[in-house]
Amino acid sequence: MKPLFHVFSACLLGCLLPVAAAAQVTPAAKPAATPAATPAAAPIVETPARLSPREVALNSPVPIWQRRGILVEQGGRALYIFTEDVPGQSRCDPKCERLWPPLFAEATARPHGPFTIARSYDGRPMWAWEGKPLYRWLSDRKRGSAGGDGVADVWFLVQVPPELDGYVVPYFPMPMPRRSADAPATLPRPRTP
């Protein structure tokens, strides 16, 4: 049994010695050229689950989206600014509000990026874009409607500049709750069984 052990040890030592010697590189010696590198296995990285467009829209902290570069409300209709408003305060009186309903916010709404909270003519919170109160136009009845741009040279669509694009979620058609024009803009709530 001893001779077999010595033979095995000699073979093992003979195989490992050249490998160990090749692995040791002295500072004066240049490393030998390596054959073409084999592609290393990519590290296993757990990617986050992709959210559906509906989930992205529901996770947005504001009920405002963009469609083709303009701001839209839940129904996909355009949002407008009124040039006679002052930052944070609407000057659209009740007669004006009948044609240009404000996009009211819930009392608990908080600013997010360029979306701020302004006050309507009667003091209620409403959504604003960089301090400019946001409105709908009564004549915009269908998804994609944006017919109020330039009305009386004081009502204009809100264009989303590229540098603020990341703050505005792309529009995803969602069911529109039936509500009065003066109800706060809210996201639809998930159904509970």
C-alpha atoms as a PDB file:
ATOM      1  CA  MET A   1       0.000   0.000   0.000  1.00  0.00           C
ATOM      2  CA  LYS A   2       2.928   2.325   0.743  1.00  0.00           C
ATOM      3  CA  PRO A   3       4.305   2.145  -2.811  1.00  0.00           C
ATOM      4  CA  LEU A   4       0.920   3.048  -4.232  1.00  0.00           C
ATOM      5  CA  PHE A   5       0.706   6.062  -1.920  1.00  0.00           C
ATOM      6  CA  HIS A   6       4.184   7.243  -3.023  1.00  0.00           C
ATOM      7  CA  VAL A   7       3.289   6.900  -6.695  1.00  0.00           C
ATOM      8  CA  PHE A   8       0.070   8.819  -6.194  1.00  0.00           C
ATOM      9  CA  SER A   9       1.846  11.571  -4.210  1.00  0.00           C
ATOM     10  CA  ALA A  10       4.551  11.890  -6.865  1.00  0.00           C
ATOM     11  CA  CYS A  11       1.966  12.214  -9.624  1.00  0.00           C
ATOM     12  CA  LEU A  12       0.023  14.796  -7.691  1.00  0.00           C
ATOM     13  CA  LEU A  13       3.150  16.782  -6.855  1.00  0.00           C
ATOM     14  CA  GLY A  14       4.310  16.586 -10.459  1.00  0.00           C
ATOM     15  CA  CYS A  15       1.018  17.998 -11.711  1.00  0.00           C
ATOM     16  CA  LEU A  16       0.704  20.808  -9.158  1.00  0.00           C
ATOM     17  CA  LEU A  17       4.282  22.105  -9.210  1.00  0.00           C
ATOM     18  CA  PRO A  18       4.230  23.472 -12.786  1.00  0.00           C
ATOM     19  CA  VAL A  19       0.854  25.119 -12.132  1.00  0.00           C
ATOM     20  CA  ALA A  20       2.120  26.785  -8.952  1.00  0.00           C
ATOM     21  CA  ALA A  21       5.313  27.925 -10.680  1.00  0.00           C
ATOM     22  CA  ALA A  22       3.357  29.435 -13.582  1.00  0.00           C
ATOM     23  CA  ALA A  23       1.081  31.298 -11.199  1.00  0.00           C
ATOM     24  CA  GLN A  24       4.017  32.970  -9.471  1.00  0.00           C
ATOM     25  CA  VAL A  25       5.175  35.997 -11.478  1.00  0.00           C
ATOM     26  CA  THR A  26       8.286  37.853 -10.462  1.00  0.00           C
ATOM     27  CA  PRO A  27       8.408  41.638 -10.989  1.00  0.00           C
ATOM     28  CA  ALA A  28      11.077  41.292 -13.681  1.00  0.00           C
ATOM     29  CA  ALA A  29       9.226  38.616 -15.599  1.00  0.00           C
ATOM     30  CA  LYS A  30       6.535  39.481 -18.126  1.00  0.00           C
ATOM     31  CA  PRO A  31       3.358  37.495 -18.006  1.00  0.00           C
ATOM     32  CA  ALA A  32       2.861  35.132 -20.878  1.00  0.00           C
ATOM     33  CA  ALA A  33       0.322  36.020 -23.506  1.00  0.00           C
ATOM     34  CA  THR A  34      -3.045  34.608 -22.668  1.00  0.00           C
ATOM     35  CA  PRO A  35      -5.221  32.925 -25.216  1.00  0.00           C
ATOM     36  CA  ALA A  36      -8.363  34.729 -26.334  1.00  0.00           C
ATOM     37  CA  ALA A  37     -10.389  35.567 -23.280  1.00  0.00           C
ATOM     38  CA  THR A  38     -13.463  33.522 -22.752  1.00  0.00           C
ATOM     39  CA  PRO A  39     -16.526  35.532 -21.885  1.00  0.00           C
ATOM     40  CA  ALA A  40     -17.008  35.634 -18.147  1.00  0.00           C
ATOM     41  CA  ALA A  41     -20.360  34.641 -16.819  1.00  0.00           C
ATOM     42  CA  ALA A  42     -22.474  37.709 -16.187  1.00  0.00           C
ATOM     43  CA  PRO A  43     -23.128  38.325 -12.531  1.00  0.00           C
ATOM     44  CA  ILE A  44     -26.578  37.387 -11.446  1.00  0.00           C
ATOM     45  CA  VAL A  45     -28.432  40.607 -10.765  1.00  0.00           C
ATOM     46  CA  GLU A  46     -31.970  40.570  -9.592  1.00  0.00           C
ATOM     47  CA  THR A  47     -33.922  43.035 -11.688  1.00  0.00           C
ATOM     48  CA  PRO A  48     -36.942  44.752 -10.184  1.00  0.00           C
ATOM     49  CA  ALA A  49     -40.291  43.645 -11.490  1.00  0.00           C
ATOM     50  CA  ARG A  50     -41.527  45.853 -14.328  1.00  0.00           C
ATOM     51  CA  LEU A  51     -44.676  47.715 -13.479  1.00  0.00           C
ATOM     52  CA  SER A  52     -47.533  47.834 -15.932  1.00  0.00           C
ATOM     53  CA  PRO A  53     -48.516  51.280 -17.255  1.00  0.00           C
ATOM     54  CA  ARG A  54     -51.616  51.131 -15.059  1.00  0.00           C
ATOM     55  CA  GLU A  55     -49.507  50.415 -11.950  1.00  0.00           C
ATOM     56  CA  VAL A  56     -47.155  53.278 -12.811  1.00  0.00           C
ATOM     57  CA  ALA A  57     -50.137  55.619 -13.184  1.00  0.00           C
ATOM     58  CA  LEU A  58     -51.675  54.438  -9.905  1.00  0.00           C
ATOM     59  CA  ASN A  59     -48.350  54.915  -8.078  1.00  0.00           C
ATOM     60  CA  SER A  60     -48.008  58.513  -9.261  1.00  0.00           C
ATOM     61  CA  PRO A  61     -48.314  60.992  -6.366  1.00  0.00           C
ATOM     62  CA  VAL A  62     -50.352  63.353  -8.563  1.00  0.00           C
ATOM     63  CA  PRO A  63     -53.442  62.663 -10.722  1.00  0.00           C
ATOM     64  CA  ILE A  64     -51.879  64.356 -13.764  1.00  0.00           C
ATOM     65  CA  TRP A  65     -50.172  62.681 -16.716  1.00  0.00           C
ATOM     66  CA  GLN A  66     -48.682  63.646 -20.053  1.00  0.00           C
ATOM     67  CA  ARG A  67     -49.869  62.709 -23.487  1.00  0.00           C
ATOM     68  CA  ARG A  68     -47.911  63.751 -26.579  1.00  0.00           C
ATOM     69  CA  GLY A  69     -45.932  66.258 -24.514  1.00  0.00           C
ATOM     70  CA  ILE A  70     -48.846  68.067 -22.873  1.00  0.00           C
ATOM     71  CA  LEU A  71     -50.386  67.684 -19.425  1.00  0.00           C
ATOM     72  CA  VAL A  72     -53.667  65.777 -19.257  1.00  0.00           C
ATOM     73  CA  GLU A  73     -56.089  64.811 -16.530  1.00  0.00           C
ATOM     74  CA  GLN A  74     -57.415  61.342 -15.765  1.00  0.00           C
ATOM     75  CA  GLY A  75     -59.745  61.252 -18.764  1.00  0.00           C
ATOM     76  CA  GLY A  76     -56.931  62.156 -21.174  1.00  0.00           C
ATOM     77  CA  ARG A  77     -58.217  65.678 -21.747  1.00  0.00           C
ATOM     78  CA  ALA A  78     -55.760  68.560 -21.851  1.00  0.00           C
ATOM     79  CA  LEU A  79     -54.950  70.869 -18.937  1.00  0.00           C
ATOM     80  CA  TYR A  80     -54.532  74.609 -19.333  1.00  0.00           C
ATOM     81  CA  ILE A  81     -53.054  77.610 -17.570  1.00  0.00           C
ATOM     82  CA  PHE A  82     -54.655  81.048 -17.351  1.00  0.00           C
ATOM     83  CA  THR A  83     -52.141  83.846 -17.961  1.00  0.00           C
ATOM     84  CA  GLU A  84     -53.992  86.279 -15.662  1.00  0.00           C
ATOM     85  CA  ASP A  85     -53.397  84.064 -12.603  1.00  0.00           C
ATOM     86  CA  VAL A  86     -50.687  84.940 -10.110  1.00  0.00           C
ATOM     87  CA  PRO A  87     -48.337  82.176  -8.857  1.00  0.00           C
ATOM     88  CA  GLY A  88     -50.199  80.003  -6.360  1.00  0.00           C
ATOM     89  CA  GLN A  89     -53.522  81.852  -6.704  1.00  0.00           C
ATOM     90  CA  SER A  90     -56.329  81.548  -9.266  1.00  0.00           C
ATOM     91  CA  ARG A  91     -58.011  84.669 -10.605  1.00  0.00           C
ATOM     92  CA  CYS A  92     -60.663  82.669 -12.426  1.00  0.00           C
ATOM     93  CA  ASP A  93     -63.948  83.753 -10.763  1.00  0.00           C
ATOM     94  CA  PRO A  94     -67.063  81.512 -10.475  1.00  0.00           C
ATOM     95  CA  LYS A  95     -68.365  82.638 -13.890  1.00  0.00           C
ATOM     96  CA  CYS A  96     -64.981  81.752 -15.432  1.00  0.00           C
ATOM     97  CA  GLU A  97     -64.896  78.420 -13.539  1.00  0.00           C
ATOM     98  CA  ARG A  98     -68.106  77.311 -15.278  1.00  0.00           C
ATOM     99  CA  LEU A  99     -66.222  77.222 -18.600  1.00  0.00           C
ATOM    100  CA  TRP A 100     -62.775  76.433 -17.181  1.00  0.00           C
ATOM    101  CA  PRO A 101     -63.229  74.055 -14.215  1.00  0.00           C
ATOM    102  CA  PRO A 102     -60.190  74.073 -11.906  1.00  0.00           C
ATOM    103  CA  LEU A 103     -58.382  70.796 -11.301  1.00  0.00           C
ATOM    104  CA  PHE A 104     -59.130  70.654  -7.582  1.00  0.00           C
ATOM    105  CA  ALA A 105     -56.809  68.759  -5.255  1.00  0.00           C
ATOM    106  CA  GLU A 106     -57.600  66.791  -2.135  1.00  0.00           C
ATOM    107  CA  ALA A 107     -56.911  68.550   1.162  1.00  0.00           C
ATOM    108  CA  THR A 108     -54.065  66.063   1.820  1.00  0.00           C
ATOM    109  CA  ALA A 109     -52.361  66.642  -1.564  1.00  0.00           C
ATOM    110  CA  ARG A 110     -48.654  67.498  -1.426  1.00  0.00           C
ATOM    111  CA  PRO A 111     -46.375  69.160  -4.009  1.00  0.00           C
ATOM    112  CA  HIS A 112     -44.222  66.844  -6.140  1.00  0.00           C
ATOM    113  CA  GLY A 113     -41.519  68.190  -8.461  1.00  0.00           C
ATOM    114  CA  PRO A 114     -43.073  70.831 -10.728  1.00  0.00           C
ATOM    115  CA  PHE A 115     -46.559  70.003  -9.411  1.00  0.00           C
ATOM    116  CA  THR A 116     -47.560  72.429  -6.693  1.00  0.00           C
ATOM    117  CA  ILE A 117     -50.741  73.349  -4.837  1.00  0.00           C
ATOM    118  CA  ALA A 118     -52.472  76.649  -5.593  1.00  0.00           C
ATOM    119  CA  ARG A 119     -55.680  78.171  -4.252  1.00  0.00           C
ATOM    120  CA  SER A 120     -58.835  78.611  -6.279  1.00  0.00           C
ATOM    121  CA  TYR A 121     -60.783  81.883  -6.353  1.00  0.00           C
ATOM    122  CA  ASP A 122     -62.749  80.733  -3.282  1.00  0.00           C
ATOM    123  CA  GLY A 123     -59.658  79.352  -1.478  1.00  0.00           C
ATOM    124  CA  ARG A 124     -59.919  75.625  -2.199  1.00  0.00           C
ATOM    125  CA  PRO A 125     -56.719  73.687  -3.034  1.00  0.00           C
ATOM    126  CA  MET A 126     -56.097  72.987  -6.699  1.00  0.00           C
ATOM    127  CA  TRP A 127     -53.257  71.457  -8.672  1.00  0.00           C
ATOM    128  CA  ALA A 128     -50.728  73.777 -10.267  1.00  0.00           C
ATOM    129  CA  TRP A 129     -47.762  73.442 -12.630  1.00  0.00           C
ATOM    130  CA  GLU A 130     -44.797  75.394 -11.269  1.00  0.00           C
ATOM    131  CA  GLY A 131     -47.205  77.594  -9.299  1.00  0.00           C
ATOM    132  CA  LYS A 132     -49.625  78.162 -12.212  1.00  0.00           C
ATOM    133  CA  PRO A 133     -53.125  76.796 -11.432  1.00  0.00           C
ATOM    134  CA  LEU A 134     -54.397  74.068 -13.788  1.00  0.00           C
ATOM    135  CA  TYR A 135     -57.791  74.002 -15.482  1.00  0.00           C
ATOM    136  CA  ARG A 136     -59.858  71.869 -17.840  1.00  0.00           C
ATOM    137  CA  TRP A 137     -61.977  73.303 -20.648  1.00  0.00           C
ATOM    138  CA  LEU A 138     -65.660  72.493 -20.689  1.00  0.00           C
ATOM    139  CA  SER A 139     -65.651  71.932 -24.468  1.00  0.00           C
ATOM    140  CA  ASP A 140     -62.976  69.201 -24.233  1.00  0.00           C
ATOM    141  CA  ARG A 141     -65.275  66.198 -23.994  1.00  0.00           C
ATOM    142  CA  LYS A 142     -63.242  63.310 -25.422  1.00  0.00           C
ATOM    143  CA  ARG A 143     -59.931  61.688 -24.572  1.00  0.00           C
ATOM    144  CA  GLY A 144     -57.222  63.571 -26.461  1.00  0.00           C
ATOM    145  CA  SER A 145     -59.253  66.778 -26.696  1.00  0.00           C
ATOM    146  CA  ALA A 146     -57.204  69.955 -26.514  1.00  0.00           C
ATOM    147  CA  GLY A 147     -59.337  72.597 -28.177  1.00  0.00           C
ATOM    148  CA  GLY A 148     -58.880  75.408 -25.680  1.00  0.00           C
ATOM    149  CA  ASP A 149     -55.325  76.348 -26.580  1.00  0.00           C
ATOM    150  CA  GLY A 150     -55.084  80.071 -27.259  1.00  0.00           C
ATOM    151  CA  VAL A 151     -58.694  80.922 -26.358  1.00  0.00           C
ATOM    152  CA  ALA A 152     -58.940  84.703 -25.826  1.00  0.00           C
ATOM    153  CA  ASP A 153     -55.122  84.755 -25.900  1.00  0.00           C
ATOM    154  CA  VAL A 154     -55.097  83.933 -22.156  1.00  0.00           C
ATOM    155  CA  TRP A 155     -55.667  80.140 -22.018  1.00  0.00           C
ATOM    156  CA  PHE A 156     -52.803  77.853 -23.041  1.00  0.00           C
ATOM    157  CA  LEU A 157     -51.897  74.177 -23.000  1.00  0.00           C
ATOM    158  CA  VAL A 158     -49.166  73.107 -20.593  1.00  0.00           C
ATOM    159  CA  GLN A 159     -46.202  71.767 -22.579  1.00  0.00           C
ATOM    160  CA  VAL A 160     -43.866  69.453 -20.613  1.00  0.00           C
ATOM    161  CA  PRO A 161     -40.238  70.539 -21.189  1.00  0.00           C
ATOM    162  CA  PRO A 162     -37.696  67.701 -21.632  1.00  0.00           C
ATOM    163  CA  GLU A 163     -35.890  68.513 -18.362  1.00  0.00           C
ATOM    164  CA  LEU A 164     -39.119  67.924 -16.382  1.00  0.00           C
ATOM    165  CA  ASP A 165     -40.213  64.882 -18.370  1.00  0.00           C
ATOM    166  CA  GLY A 166     -39.172  62.499 -15.554  1.00  0.00           C
ATOM    167  CA  TYR A 167     -41.691  64.027 -13.142  1.00  0.00           C
ATOM    168  CA  VAL A 168     -44.714  63.393 -15.357  1.00  0.00           C
ATOM    169  CA  VAL A 169     -46.017  59.866 -15.861  1.00  0.00           C
ATOM    170  CA  PRO A 170     -47.016  58.923 -19.427  1.00  0.00           C
ATOM    171  CA  TYR A 171     -50.769  58.792 -19.845  1.00  0.00           C
ATOM    172  CA  PHE A 172     -52.498  55.457 -19.458  1.00  0.00           C
ATOM    173  CA  PRO A 173     -56.274  55.315 -20.092  1.00  0.00           C
ATOM    174  CA  MET A 174     -58.056  54.668 -16.837  1.00  0.00           C
ATOM    175  CA  PRO A 175     -61.730  54.519 -15.956  1.00  0.00           C
ATOM    176  CA  MET A 176     -63.179  57.915 -15.157  1.00  0.00           C
ATOM    177  CA  PRO A 177     -65.338  58.123 -12.049  1.00  0.00           C
ATOM    178  CA  ARG A 178     -68.536  60.092 -12.399  1.00  0.00           C
ATOM    179  CA  ARG A 179     -68.137  63.189 -10.274  1.00  0.00           C
ATOM    180  CA  SER A 180     -69.117  66.802 -10.255  1.00  0.00           C
ATOM    181  CA  ALA A 181     -66.788  69.386 -11.773  1.00  0.00           C
ATOM    182  CA  ASP A 182     -65.834  70.730  -8.359  1.00  0.00           C
ATOM    183  CA  ALA A 183     -64.805  67.373  -6.874  1.00  0.00           C
ATOM    184  CA  PRO A 184     -61.067  66.928  -6.221  1.00  0.00           C
ATOM    185  CA  ALA A 185     -59.058  65.119  -8.882  1.00  0.00           C
ATOM    186  CA  THR A 186     -58.198  61.710  -7.480  1.00  0.00           C
ATOM    187  CA  LEU A 187     -56.890  58.397  -8.692  1.00  0.00           C
ATOM    188  CA  PRO A 188     -59.300  55.481  -8.949  1.00  0.00           C
ATOM    189  CA  ARG A 189     -59.088  53.245  -5.918  1.00  0.00           C
ATOM    190  CA  PRO A 190     -58.332  49.537  -6.419  1.00  0.00           C
ATOM    191  CA  ARG A 191     -61.414  47.398  -5.911  1.00  0.00           C
ATOM    192  CA  THR A 192     -61.557  45.473  -2.682  1.00  0.00           C
ATOM    193  CA  PRO A 193     -63.311  42.104  -2.593  1.00  0.00           C
END
